[in-house]
PDB file of all heavy atoms in Angstrom:
ATOM      1  N   GLY A   1       7.844 -15.789  -1.529  1.00  0.00           N
ATOM      2  CA  GLY A   1       8.827 -14.769  -1.683  1.00  0.00           C
ATOM      3  C   GLY A   1       8.248 -13.402  -1.394  1.00  0.00           C
ATOM      4  O   GLY A   1       7.120 -13.099  -1.877  1.00  0.00           O
ATOM      5  N   GLU A   2       8.922 -12.601  -0.645  1.00  0.00           N
ATOM      6  CA  GLU A   2       8.468 -11.233  -0.239  1.00  0.00           C
ATOM      7  C   GLU A   2       8.249 -10.335  -1.501  1.00  0.00           C
ATOM      8  O   GLU A   2       7.242  -9.568  -1.508  1.00  0.00           O
ATOM      9  CB  GLU A   2       9.413 -10.629   0.731  1.00  0.00           C
ATOM     10  CG  GLU A   2       9.496 -11.249   2.089  1.00  0.00           C
ATOM     11  CD  GLU A   2       8.172 -11.066   2.850  1.00  0.00           C
ATOM     12  OE1 GLU A   2       7.461 -10.094   2.555  1.00  0.00           O
ATOM     13  OE2 GLU A   2       7.865 -11.904   3.788  1.00  0.00           O
ATOM     14  N   SER A   3       9.166 -10.380  -2.410  1.00  0.00           N
ATOM     15  CA  SER A   3       9.109  -9.483  -3.538  1.00  0.00           C
ATOM     16  C   SER A   3       7.854  -9.592  -4.325  1.00  0.00           C
ATOM     17  O   SER A   3       7.088  -8.637  -4.564  1.00  0.00           O
ATOM     18  CB  SER A   3      10.337  -9.674  -4.465  1.00  0.00           C
ATOM     19  OG  SER A   3      10.209  -8.868  -5.632  1.00  0.00           O
ATOM     20  N   GLU A   4       7.492 -10.805  -4.790  1.00  0.00           N
ATOM     21  CA  GLU A   4       6.300 -11.052  -5.525  1.00  0.00           C
ATOM     22  C   GLU A   4       5.009 -10.793  -4.751  1.00  0.00           C
ATOM     23  O   GLU A   4       4.051 -10.195  -5.228  1.00  0.00           O
ATOM     24  CB  GLU A   4       6.296 -12.418  -6.132  1.00  0.00           C
ATOM     25  CG  GLU A   4       7.215 -12.696  -7.229  1.00  0.00           C
ATOM     26  CD  GLU A   4       7.035 -11.710  -8.435  1.00  0.00           C
ATOM     27  OE1 GLU A   4       5.912 -11.409  -8.678  1.00  0.00           O
ATOM     28  OE2 GLU A   4       8.070 -11.275  -8.972  1.00  0.00           O
ATOM     29  N   PHE A   5       5.017 -11.152  -3.506  1.00  0.00           N
ATOM     30  CA  PHE A   5       3.866 -10.967  -2.697  1.00  0.00           C
ATOM     31  C   PHE A   5       3.609  -9.448  -2.450  1.00  0.00           C
ATOM     32  O   PHE A   5       2.458  -9.000  -2.598  1.00  0.00           O
ATOM     33  CB  PHE A   5       4.099 -11.594  -1.313  1.00  0.00           C
ATOM     34  CG  PHE A   5       2.957 -11.350  -0.341  1.00  0.00           C
ATOM     35  CD1 PHE A   5       1.711 -11.941  -0.488  1.00  0.00           C
ATOM     36  CD2 PHE A   5       3.163 -10.418   0.689  1.00  0.00           C
ATOM     37  CE1 PHE A   5       0.672 -11.624   0.441  1.00  0.00           C
ATOM     38  CE2 PHE A   5       2.100 -10.142   1.558  1.00  0.00           C
ATOM     39  CZ  PHE A   5       0.817 -10.745   1.421  1.00  0.00           C
ATOM     40  N   ASP A   6       4.718  -8.721  -2.208  1.00  0.00           N
ATOM     41  CA  ASP A   6       4.541  -7.250  -2.050  1.00  0.00           C
ATOM     42  C   ASP A   6       4.053  -6.601  -3.314  1.00  0.00           C
ATOM     43  O   ASP A   6       3.223  -5.649  -3.268  1.00  0.00           O
ATOM     44  CB  ASP A   6       5.878  -6.626  -1.661  1.00  0.00           C
ATOM     45  CG  ASP A   6       6.306  -7.025  -0.203  1.00  0.00           C
ATOM     46  OD1 ASP A   6       5.405  -7.484   0.503  1.00  0.00           O
ATOM     47  OD2 ASP A   6       7.484  -6.877   0.153  1.00  0.00           O
ATOM     48  N   LYS A   7       4.443  -7.076  -4.425  1.00  0.00           N
ATOM     49  CA  LYS A   7       3.974  -6.496  -5.731  1.00  0.00           C
ATOM     50  C   LYS A   7       2.465  -6.731  -5.911  1.00  0.00           C
ATOM     51  O   LYS A   7       1.727  -5.853  -6.326  1.00  0.00           O
ATOM     52  CB  LYS A   7       4.723  -7.121  -6.941  1.00  0.00           C
ATOM     53  CG  LYS A   7       6.148  -6.631  -7.089  1.00  0.00           C
ATOM     54  CD  LYS A   7       6.841  -7.368  -8.229  1.00  0.00           C
ATOM     55  CE  LYS A   7       8.336  -6.991  -8.317  1.00  0.00           C
ATOM     56  NZ  LYS A   7       8.991  -7.742  -9.369  1.00  0.00           N
ATOM     57  N   VAL A   8       2.053  -7.943  -5.576  1.00  0.00           N
ATOM     58  CA  VAL A   8       0.603  -8.304  -5.720  1.00  0.00           C
ATOM     59  C   VAL A   8      -0.177  -7.414  -4.733  1.00  0.00           C
ATOM     60  O   VAL A   8      -1.233  -6.858  -5.117  1.00  0.00           O
ATOM     61  CB  VAL A   8       0.377  -9.772  -5.490  1.00  0.00           C
ATOM     62  CG1 VAL A   8      -1.100 -10.063  -5.371  1.00  0.00           C
ATOM     63  CG2 VAL A   8       1.008 -10.554  -6.604  1.00  0.00           C
ATOM     64  N   LYS A   9       0.290  -7.338  -3.516  1.00  0.00           N
ATOM     65  CA  LYS A   9      -0.451  -6.585  -2.451  1.00  0.00           C
ATOM     66  C   LYS A   9      -0.559  -5.077  -2.826  1.00  0.00           C
ATOM     67  O   LYS A   9      -1.581  -4.484  -2.689  1.00  0.00           O
ATOM     68  CB  LYS A   9       0.307  -6.768  -1.127  1.00  0.00           C
ATOM     69  CG  LYS A   9      -0.509  -6.315   0.076  1.00  0.00           C
ATOM     70  CD  LYS A   9       0.230  -6.687   1.351  1.00  0.00           C
ATOM     71  CE  LYS A   9      -0.552  -6.217   2.563  1.00  0.00           C
ATOM     72  NZ  LYS A   9       0.137  -6.614   3.856  1.00  0.00           N
ATOM     73  N   ALA A  10       0.573  -4.569  -3.320  1.00  0.00           N
ATOM     74  CA  ALA A  10       0.588  -3.132  -3.667  1.00  0.00           C
ATOM     75  C   ALA A  10      -0.331  -2.906  -4.897  1.00  0.00           C
ATOM     76  O   ALA A  10      -1.010  -1.842  -4.958  1.00  0.00           O
ATOM     77  CB  ALA A  10       2.042  -2.698  -4.059  1.00  0.00           C
ATOM     78  N   PHE A  11      -0.350  -3.805  -5.871  1.00  0.00           N
ATOM     79  CA  PHE A  11      -1.239  -3.663  -7.026  1.00  0.00           C
ATOM     80  C   PHE A  11      -2.675  -3.694  -6.636  1.00  0.00           C
ATOM     81  O   PHE A  11      -3.460  -2.843  -7.087  1.00  0.00           O
ATOM     82  CB  PHE A  11      -0.978  -4.822  -7.992  1.00  0.00           C
ATOM     83  CG  PHE A  11      -1.803  -4.861  -9.161  1.00  0.00           C
ATOM     84  CD1 PHE A  11      -1.627  -3.966 -10.227  1.00  0.00           C
ATOM     85  CD2 PHE A  11      -2.893  -5.736  -9.317  1.00  0.00           C
ATOM     86  CE1 PHE A  11      -2.440  -3.929 -11.363  1.00  0.00           C
ATOM     87  CE2 PHE A  11      -3.713  -5.751 -10.435  1.00  0.00           C
ATOM     88  CZ  PHE A  11      -3.529  -4.863 -11.472  1.00  0.00           C
ATOM     89  N   ILE A  12      -3.091  -4.561  -5.753  1.00  0.00           N
ATOM     90  CA  ILE A  12      -4.451  -4.627  -5.238  1.00  0.00           C
ATOM     91  C   ILE A  12      -4.826  -3.342  -4.531  1.00  0.00           C
ATOM     92  O   ILE A  12      -5.937  -2.729  -4.774  1.00  0.00           O
ATOM     93  CB  ILE A  12      -4.675  -5.881  -4.353  1.00  0.00           C
ATOM     94  CG1 ILE A  12      -4.524  -7.147  -5.155  1.00  0.00           C
ATOM     95  CG2 ILE A  12      -6.020  -5.765  -3.700  1.00  0.00           C
ATOM     96  CD1 ILE A  12      -4.459  -8.397  -4.326  1.00  0.00           C
ATOM     97  N   ALA A  13      -3.943  -2.859  -3.706  1.00  0.00           N
ATOM     98  CA  ALA A  13      -4.206  -1.635  -2.908  1.00  0.00           C
ATOM     99  C   ALA A  13      -4.310  -0.439  -3.858  1.00  0.00           C
ATOM    100  O   ALA A  13      -5.211   0.405  -3.707  1.00  0.00           O
ATOM    101  CB  ALA A  13      -3.057  -1.433  -1.901  1.00  0.00           C
ATOM    102  N   SER A  14      -3.402  -0.337  -4.814  1.00  0.00           N
ATOM    103  CA  SER A  14      -3.461   0.842  -5.747  1.00  0.00           C
ATOM    104  C   SER A  14      -4.700   0.849  -6.572  1.00  0.00           C
ATOM    105  O   SER A  14      -5.314   1.886  -6.852  1.00  0.00           O
ATOM    106  CB  SER A  14      -2.233   0.892  -6.613  1.00  0.00           C
ATOM    107  OG  SER A  14      -2.190  -0.216  -7.440  1.00  0.00           O
ATOM    108  N   ARG A  15      -5.072  -0.336  -7.067  1.00  0.00           N
ATOM    109  CA  ARG A  15      -6.278  -0.413  -7.912  1.00  0.00           C
ATOM    110  C   ARG A  15      -7.547  -0.157  -7.073  1.00  0.00           C
ATOM    111  O   ARG A  15      -8.489   0.421  -7.596  1.00  0.00           O
ATOM    112  CB  ARG A  15      -6.364  -1.814  -8.521  1.00  0.00           C
ATOM    113  CG  ARG A  15      -5.411  -2.094  -9.668  1.00  0.00           C
ATOM    114  CD  ARG A  15      -5.810  -1.317 -10.887  1.00  0.00           C
ATOM    115  NE  ARG A  15      -4.793  -1.392 -11.932  1.00  0.00           N
ATOM    116  CZ  ARG A  15      -4.942  -0.904 -13.180  1.00  0.00           C
ATOM    117  NH1 ARG A  15      -6.039  -0.294 -13.476  1.00  0.00           N
ATOM    118  NH2 ARG A  15      -3.976  -1.005 -14.041  1.00  0.00           N
ATOM    119  N   SER A  16      -7.513  -0.475  -5.826  1.00  0.00           N
ATOM    120  CA  SER A  16      -8.628  -0.146  -4.937  1.00  0.00           C
ATOM    121  C   SER A  16      -8.854   1.360  -4.716  1.00  0.00           C
ATOM    122  O   SER A  16     -10.002   1.772  -4.444  1.00  0.00           O
ATOM    123  CB  SER A  16      -8.436  -0.870  -3.529  1.00  0.00           C
ATOM    124  OG  SER A  16      -8.333  -2.233  -3.697  1.00  0.00           O
ATOM    125  N   LYS A  17      -7.801   2.087  -4.863  1.00  0.00           N
ATOM    126  CA  LYS A  17      -7.858   3.531  -4.649  1.00  0.00           C
ATOM    127  C   LYS A  17      -8.166   4.326  -5.887  1.00  0.00           C
ATOM    128  O   LYS A  17      -8.321   5.534  -5.852  1.00  0.00           O
ATOM    129  CB  LYS A  17      -6.572   4.005  -4.007  1.00  0.00           C
ATOM    130  CG  LYS A  17      -6.241   3.439  -2.701  1.00  0.00           C
ATOM    131  CD  LYS A  17      -4.843   3.870  -2.214  1.00  0.00           C
ATOM    132  CE  LYS A  17      -4.489   3.192  -0.863  1.00  0.00           C
ATOM    133  NZ  LYS A  17      -3.129   3.477  -0.472  1.00  0.00           N
ATOM    134  N   GLU A  18      -8.270   3.626  -7.033  1.00  0.00           N
ATOM    135  CA  GLU A  18      -8.543   4.347  -8.254  1.00  0.00           C
ATOM    136  C   GLU A  18      -9.935   4.975  -8.206  1.00  0.00           C
ATOM    137  O   GLU A  18     -10.856   4.315  -7.793  1.00  0.00           O
ATOM    138  CB  GLU A  18      -8.515   3.348  -9.485  1.00  0.00           C
ATOM    139  CG  GLU A  18      -7.106   2.844  -9.853  1.00  0.00           C
ATOM    140  CD  GLU A  18      -6.299   3.960 -10.601  1.00  0.00           C
ATOM    141  OE1 GLU A  18      -6.919   4.973 -10.899  1.00  0.00           O
ATOM    142  OE2 GLU A  18      -5.147   3.713 -10.794  1.00  0.00           O
ATOM    143  N   PRO A  19     -10.046   6.266  -8.571  1.00  0.00           N
ATOM    144  CA  PRO A  19     -11.330   6.935  -8.485  1.00  0.00           C
ATOM    145  C   PRO A  19     -12.428   6.474  -9.424  1.00  0.00           C
ATOM    146  O   PRO A  19     -13.555   6.484  -9.140  1.00  0.00           O
ATOM    147  CB  PRO A  19     -10.980   8.395  -8.684  1.00  0.00           C
ATOM    148  CG  PRO A  19      -9.690   8.376  -9.478  1.00  0.00           C
ATOM    149  CD  PRO A  19      -8.998   7.184  -8.997  1.00  0.00           C
ATOM    150  N   ARG A  20     -11.911   6.018 -10.587  1.00  0.00           N
ATOM    151  CA  ARG A  20     -12.885   5.546 -11.606  1.00  0.00           C
ATOM    152  C   ARG A  20     -13.078   4.071 -11.563  1.00  0.00           C
ATOM    153  O   ARG A  20     -12.122   3.314 -11.491  1.00  0.00           O
ATOM    154  CB  ARG A  20     -12.418   6.037 -13.011  1.00  0.00           C
ATOM    155  CG  ARG A  20     -12.324   7.521 -13.181  1.00  0.00           C
ATOM    156  CD  ARG A  20     -11.944   7.908 -14.601  1.00  0.00           C
ATOM    157  NE  ARG A  20     -10.650   7.407 -14.995  1.00  0.00           N
ATOM    158  CZ  ARG A  20     -10.056   7.572 -16.127  1.00  0.00           C
ATOM    159  NH1 ARG A  20     -10.683   8.269 -17.130  1.00  0.00           N
ATOM    160  NH2 ARG A  20      -8.881   7.091 -16.437  1.00  0.00           N
ATOM    161  N   LEU A  21     -14.331   3.629 -11.714  1.00  0.00           N
ATOM    162  CA  LEU A  21     -14.633   2.203 -11.597  1.00  0.00           C
ATOM    163  C   LEU A  21     -13.929   1.425 -12.698  1.00  0.00           C
ATOM    164  O   LEU A  21     -13.530   0.242 -12.465  1.00  0.00           O
ATOM    165  CB  LEU A  21     -16.176   2.012 -11.704  1.00  0.00           C
ATOM    166  CG  LEU A  21     -16.756   0.617 -11.300  1.00  0.00           C
ATOM    167  CD1 LEU A  21     -16.369   0.242  -9.904  1.00  0.00           C
ATOM    168  CD2 LEU A  21     -18.211   0.666 -11.450  1.00  0.00           C
ATOM    169  N   LYS A  22     -13.766   2.017 -13.860  1.00  0.00           N
ATOM    170  CA  LYS A  22     -13.131   1.378 -14.972  1.00  0.00           C
ATOM    171  C   LYS A  22     -11.694   1.000 -14.720  1.00  0.00           C
ATOM    172  O   LYS A  22     -11.162   0.068 -15.320  1.00  0.00           O
ATOM    173  CB  LYS A  22     -13.200   2.231 -16.259  1.00  0.00           C
ATOM    174  CG  LYS A  22     -12.400   3.532 -16.196  1.00  0.00           C
ATOM    175  CD  LYS A  22     -12.600   4.435 -17.395  1.00  0.00           C
ATOM    176  CE  LYS A  22     -12.002   3.840 -18.620  1.00  0.00           C
ATOM    177  NZ  LYS A  22     -10.508   3.792 -18.567  1.00  0.00           N
ATOM    178  N   ASP A  23     -11.036   1.723 -13.833  1.00  0.00           N
ATOM    179  CA  ASP A  23      -9.652   1.473 -13.562  1.00  0.00           C
ATOM    180  C   ASP A  23      -9.432   0.585 -12.323  1.00  0.00           C
ATOM    181  O   ASP A  23      -8.276   0.173 -12.004  1.00  0.00           O
ATOM    182  CB  ASP A  23      -8.886   2.752 -13.337  1.00  0.00           C
ATOM    183  CG  ASP A  23      -8.872   3.597 -14.632  1.00  0.00           C
ATOM    184  OD1 ASP A  23      -8.677   3.073 -15.697  1.00  0.00           O
ATOM    185  OD2 ASP A  23      -9.015   4.868 -14.493  1.00  0.00           O
ATOM    186  N   GLN A  24     -10.496   0.328 -11.605  1.00  0.00           N
ATOM    187  CA  GLN A  24     -10.404  -0.517 -10.387  1.00  0.00           C
ATOM    188  C   GLN A  24     -10.304  -1.977 -10.817  1.00  0.00           C
ATOM    189  O   GLN A  24     -10.642  -2.422 -11.932  1.00  0.00           O
ATOM    190  CB  GLN A  24     -11.606  -0.292  -9.493  1.00  0.00           C
ATOM    191  CG  GLN A  24     -11.696   1.094  -8.898  1.00  0.00           C
ATOM    192  CD  GLN A  24     -12.990   1.363  -8.193  1.00  0.00           C
ATOM    193  OE1 GLN A  24     -13.751   0.420  -7.812  1.00  0.00           O
ATOM    194  NE2 GLN A  24     -13.289   2.613  -7.889  1.00  0.00           N
ATOM    195  N   LEU A  25      -9.883  -2.810  -9.827  1.00  0.00           N
ATOM    196  CA  LEU A  25      -9.899  -4.288  -9.987  1.00  0.00           C
ATOM    197  C   LEU A  25     -11.237  -4.731  -9.545  1.00  0.00           C
ATOM    198  O   LEU A  25     -11.749  -4.369  -8.525  1.00  0.00           O
ATOM    199  CB  LEU A  25      -8.764  -4.882  -9.089  1.00  0.00           C
ATOM    200  CG  LEU A  25      -8.326  -6.288  -9.308  1.00  0.00           C
ATOM    201  CD1 LEU A  25      -7.861  -6.507 -10.757  1.00  0.00           C
ATOM    202  CD2 LEU A  25      -7.196  -6.627  -8.323  1.00  0.00           C
ATOM    203  N   HIS A  26     -11.868  -5.621 -10.398  1.00  0.00           N
ATOM    204  CA  HIS A  26     -13.280  -5.975 -10.096  1.00  0.00           C
ATOM    205  C   HIS A  26     -13.362  -7.366  -9.364  1.00  0.00           C
ATOM    206  O   HIS A  26     -14.312  -7.570  -8.634  1.00  0.00           O
ATOM    207  CB  HIS A  26     -14.054  -5.987 -11.432  1.00  0.00           C
ATOM    208  CG  HIS A  26     -13.982  -4.675 -12.046  1.00  0.00           C
ATOM    209  ND1 HIS A  26     -13.929  -4.482 -13.446  1.00  0.00           N
ATOM    210  CD2 HIS A  26     -14.062  -3.399 -11.565  1.00  0.00           C
ATOM    211  CE1 HIS A  26     -13.948  -3.225 -13.770  1.00  0.00           C
ATOM    212  NE2 HIS A  26     -13.993  -2.535 -12.570  1.00  0.00           N
ATOM    213  N   VAL A  27     -12.466  -8.305  -9.648  1.00  0.00           N
ATOM    214  CA  VAL A  27     -12.504  -9.606  -9.006  1.00  0.00           C
ATOM    215  C   VAL A  27     -11.131 -10.196  -9.096  1.00  0.00           C
ATOM    216  O   VAL A  27     -10.315  -9.880  -9.973  1.00  0.00           O
ATOM    217  CB  VAL A  27     -13.564 -10.523  -9.663  1.00  0.00           C
ATOM    218  CG1 VAL A  27     -13.054 -11.008 -11.004  1.00  0.00           C
ATOM    219  CG2 VAL A  27     -13.963 -11.693  -8.749  1.00  0.00           C
ATOM    220  N   ILE A  28     -10.831 -11.158  -8.188  1.00  0.00           N
ATOM    221  CA  ILE A  28      -9.573 -11.849  -8.219  1.00  0.00           C
ATOM    222  C   ILE A  28      -9.885 -13.362  -8.244  1.00  0.00           C
ATOM    223  O   ILE A  28     -10.672 -13.874  -7.432  1.00  0.00           O
ATOM    224  CB  ILE A  28      -8.726 -11.574  -6.862  1.00  0.00           C
ATOM    225  CG1 ILE A  28      -8.406 -10.092  -6.780  1.00  0.00           C
ATOM    226  CG2 ILE A  28      -7.480 -12.415  -6.871  1.00  0.00           C
ATOM    227  CD1 ILE A  28      -7.838  -9.677  -5.487  1.00  0.00           C
ATOM    228  N   TRP A  29      -9.258 -14.014  -9.207  1.00  0.00           N
ATOM    229  CA  TRP A  29      -9.259 -15.506  -9.338  1.00  0.00           C
ATOM    230  C   TRP A  29      -7.940 -16.046  -8.817  1.00  0.00           C
ATOM    231  O   TRP A  29      -6.919 -15.728  -9.467  1.00  0.00           O
ATOM    232  CB  TRP A  29      -9.590 -15.872 -10.777  1.00  0.00           C
ATOM    233  CG  TRP A  29     -10.969 -15.663 -11.240  1.00  0.00           C
ATOM    234  CD1 TRP A  29     -12.088 -15.405 -10.489  1.00  0.00           C
ATOM    235  CD2 TRP A  29     -11.417 -15.686 -12.624  1.00  0.00           C
ATOM    236  NE1 TRP A  29     -13.135 -15.204 -11.264  1.00  0.00           N
ATOM    237  CE2 TRP A  29     -12.801 -15.359 -12.539  1.00  0.00           C
ATOM    238  CE3 TRP A  29     -10.797 -15.912 -13.821  1.00  0.00           C
ATOM    239  CZ2 TRP A  29     -13.580 -15.272 -13.736  1.00  0.00           C
ATOM    240  CZ3 TRP A  29     -11.576 -15.848 -15.033  1.00  0.00           C
ATOM    241  CH2 TRP A  29     -12.949 -15.564 -14.940  1.00  0.00           C
ATOM    242  N   TYR A  30      -7.977 -16.797  -7.807  1.00  0.00           N
ATOM    243  CA  TYR A  30      -6.761 -17.433  -7.262  1.00  0.00           C
ATOM    244  C   TYR A  30      -6.720 -18.912  -7.684  1.00  0.00           C
ATOM    245  O   TYR A  30      -7.557 -19.704  -7.138  1.00  0.00           O
ATOM    246  CB  TYR A  30      -6.691 -17.272  -5.715  1.00  0.00           C
ATOM    247  CG  TYR A  30      -5.298 -17.467  -5.195  1.00  0.00           C
ATOM    248  CD1 TYR A  30      -4.674 -16.375  -4.505  1.00  0.00           C
ATOM    249  CD2 TYR A  30      -4.549 -18.609  -5.321  1.00  0.00           C
ATOM    250  CE1 TYR A  30      -3.398 -16.481  -4.016  1.00  0.00           C
ATOM    251  CE2 TYR A  30      -3.258 -18.745  -4.851  1.00  0.00           C
ATOM    252  CZ  TYR A  30      -2.659 -17.679  -4.178  1.00  0.00           C
ATOM    253  OH  TYR A  30      -1.394 -17.805  -3.743  1.00  0.00           O
ATOM    254  N   CYS A  31      -5.805 -19.287  -8.455  1.00  0.00           N
ATOM    255  CA  CYS A  31      -5.785 -20.671  -9.076  1.00  0.00           C
ATOM    256  C   CYS A  31      -4.789 -21.549  -8.221  1.00  0.00           C
ATOM    257  O   CYS A  31      -3.606 -21.220  -8.046  1.00  0.00           O
ATOM    258  CB  CYS A  31      -5.295 -20.657 -10.530  1.00  0.00           C
ATOM    259  SG  CYS A  31      -6.396 -19.683 -11.572  1.00  0.00           S
ATOM    260  N   ILE A  32      -5.307 -22.748  -7.872  1.00  0.00           N
ATOM    261  CA  ILE A  32      -4.480 -23.710  -7.146  1.00  0.00           C
ATOM    262  C   ILE A  32      -4.752 -25.060  -7.856  1.00  0.00           C
ATOM    263  O   ILE A  32      -5.808 -25.546  -7.899  1.00  0.00           O
ATOM    264  CB  ILE A  32      -4.985 -23.811  -5.659  1.00  0.00           C
ATOM    265  CG1 ILE A  32      -4.819 -22.482  -4.944  1.00  0.00           C
ATOM    266  CG2 ILE A  32      -4.147 -24.924  -4.931  1.00  0.00           C
ATOM    267  CD1 ILE A  32      -5.307 -22.484  -3.510  1.00  0.00           C
ATOM    268  N   PRO A  33      -3.630 -25.601  -8.466  1.00  0.00           N
ATOM    269  CA  PRO A  33      -3.776 -26.886  -9.212  1.00  0.00           C
ATOM    270  C   PRO A  33      -3.894 -28.075  -8.311  1.00  0.00           C
ATOM    271  O   PRO A  33      -3.181 -28.175  -7.251  1.00  0.00           O
ATOM    272  CB  PRO A  33      -2.513 -26.899 -10.055  1.00  0.00           C
ATOM    273  CG  PRO A  33      -1.501 -26.138  -9.221  1.00  0.00           C
ATOM    274  CD  PRO A  33      -2.332 -25.088  -8.491  1.00  0.00           C
ATOM    275  N   MET A  34      -4.690 -29.018  -8.669  1.00  0.00           N
ATOM    276  CA  MET A  34      -4.877 -30.253  -7.944  1.00  0.00           C
ATOM    277  C   MET A  34      -4.062 -31.428  -8.476  1.00  0.00           C
ATOM    278  O   MET A  34      -4.212 -32.564  -7.961  1.00  0.00           O
ATOM    279  CB  MET A  34      -6.404 -30.642  -7.895  1.00  0.00           C
ATOM    280  CG  MET A  34      -7.278 -29.688  -7.011  1.00  0.00           C
ATOM    281  SD  MET A  34      -6.897 -29.919  -5.211  1.00  0.00           S
ATOM    282  CE  MET A  34      -5.830 -28.543  -4.917  1.00  0.00           C
ATOM    283  N   ASP A  35      -3.213 -31.222  -9.419  1.00  0.00           N
ATOM    284  CA  ASP A  35      -2.412 -32.283  -9.910  1.00  0.00           C
ATOM    285  C   ASP A  35      -1.030 -32.255  -9.252  1.00  0.00           C
ATOM    286  O   ASP A  35      -0.115 -33.032  -9.613  1.00  0.00           O
ATOM    287  CB  ASP A  35      -2.231 -32.193 -11.460  1.00  0.00           C
ATOM    288  CG  ASP A  35      -1.449 -30.951 -11.889  1.00  0.00           C
ATOM    289  OD1 ASP A  35      -1.441 -30.004 -11.089  1.00  0.00           O
ATOM    290  OD2 ASP A  35      -0.892 -30.985 -13.022  1.00  0.00           O
ATOM    291  N   GLU A  36      -0.792 -31.421  -8.318  1.00  0.00           N
ATOM    292  CA  GLU A  36       0.463 -31.345  -7.641  1.00  0.00           C
ATOM    293  C   GLU A  36       0.617 -32.526  -6.695  1.00  0.00           C
ATOM    294  O   GLU A  36      -0.320 -33.078  -6.147  1.00  0.00           O
ATOM    295  CB  GLU A  36       0.580 -30.026  -6.754  1.00  0.00           C
ATOM    296  CG  GLU A  36       0.489 -28.764  -7.592  1.00  0.00           C
ATOM    297  CD  GLU A  36       1.804 -28.500  -8.315  1.00  0.00           C
ATOM    298  OE1 GLU A  36       2.852 -28.933  -7.834  1.00  0.00           O
ATOM    299  OE2 GLU A  36       1.714 -27.703  -9.317  1.00  0.00           O
TER     300      GLU A  36
END
């Protein structure tokens, strides 16, 4: 879905531009279940 993807992409971009390290995003964990 475009809406959720755009929100995630915008969140990552905005956090990347934060001037203070404390407000930045430090790592992303992408979870994919293997019981599907």
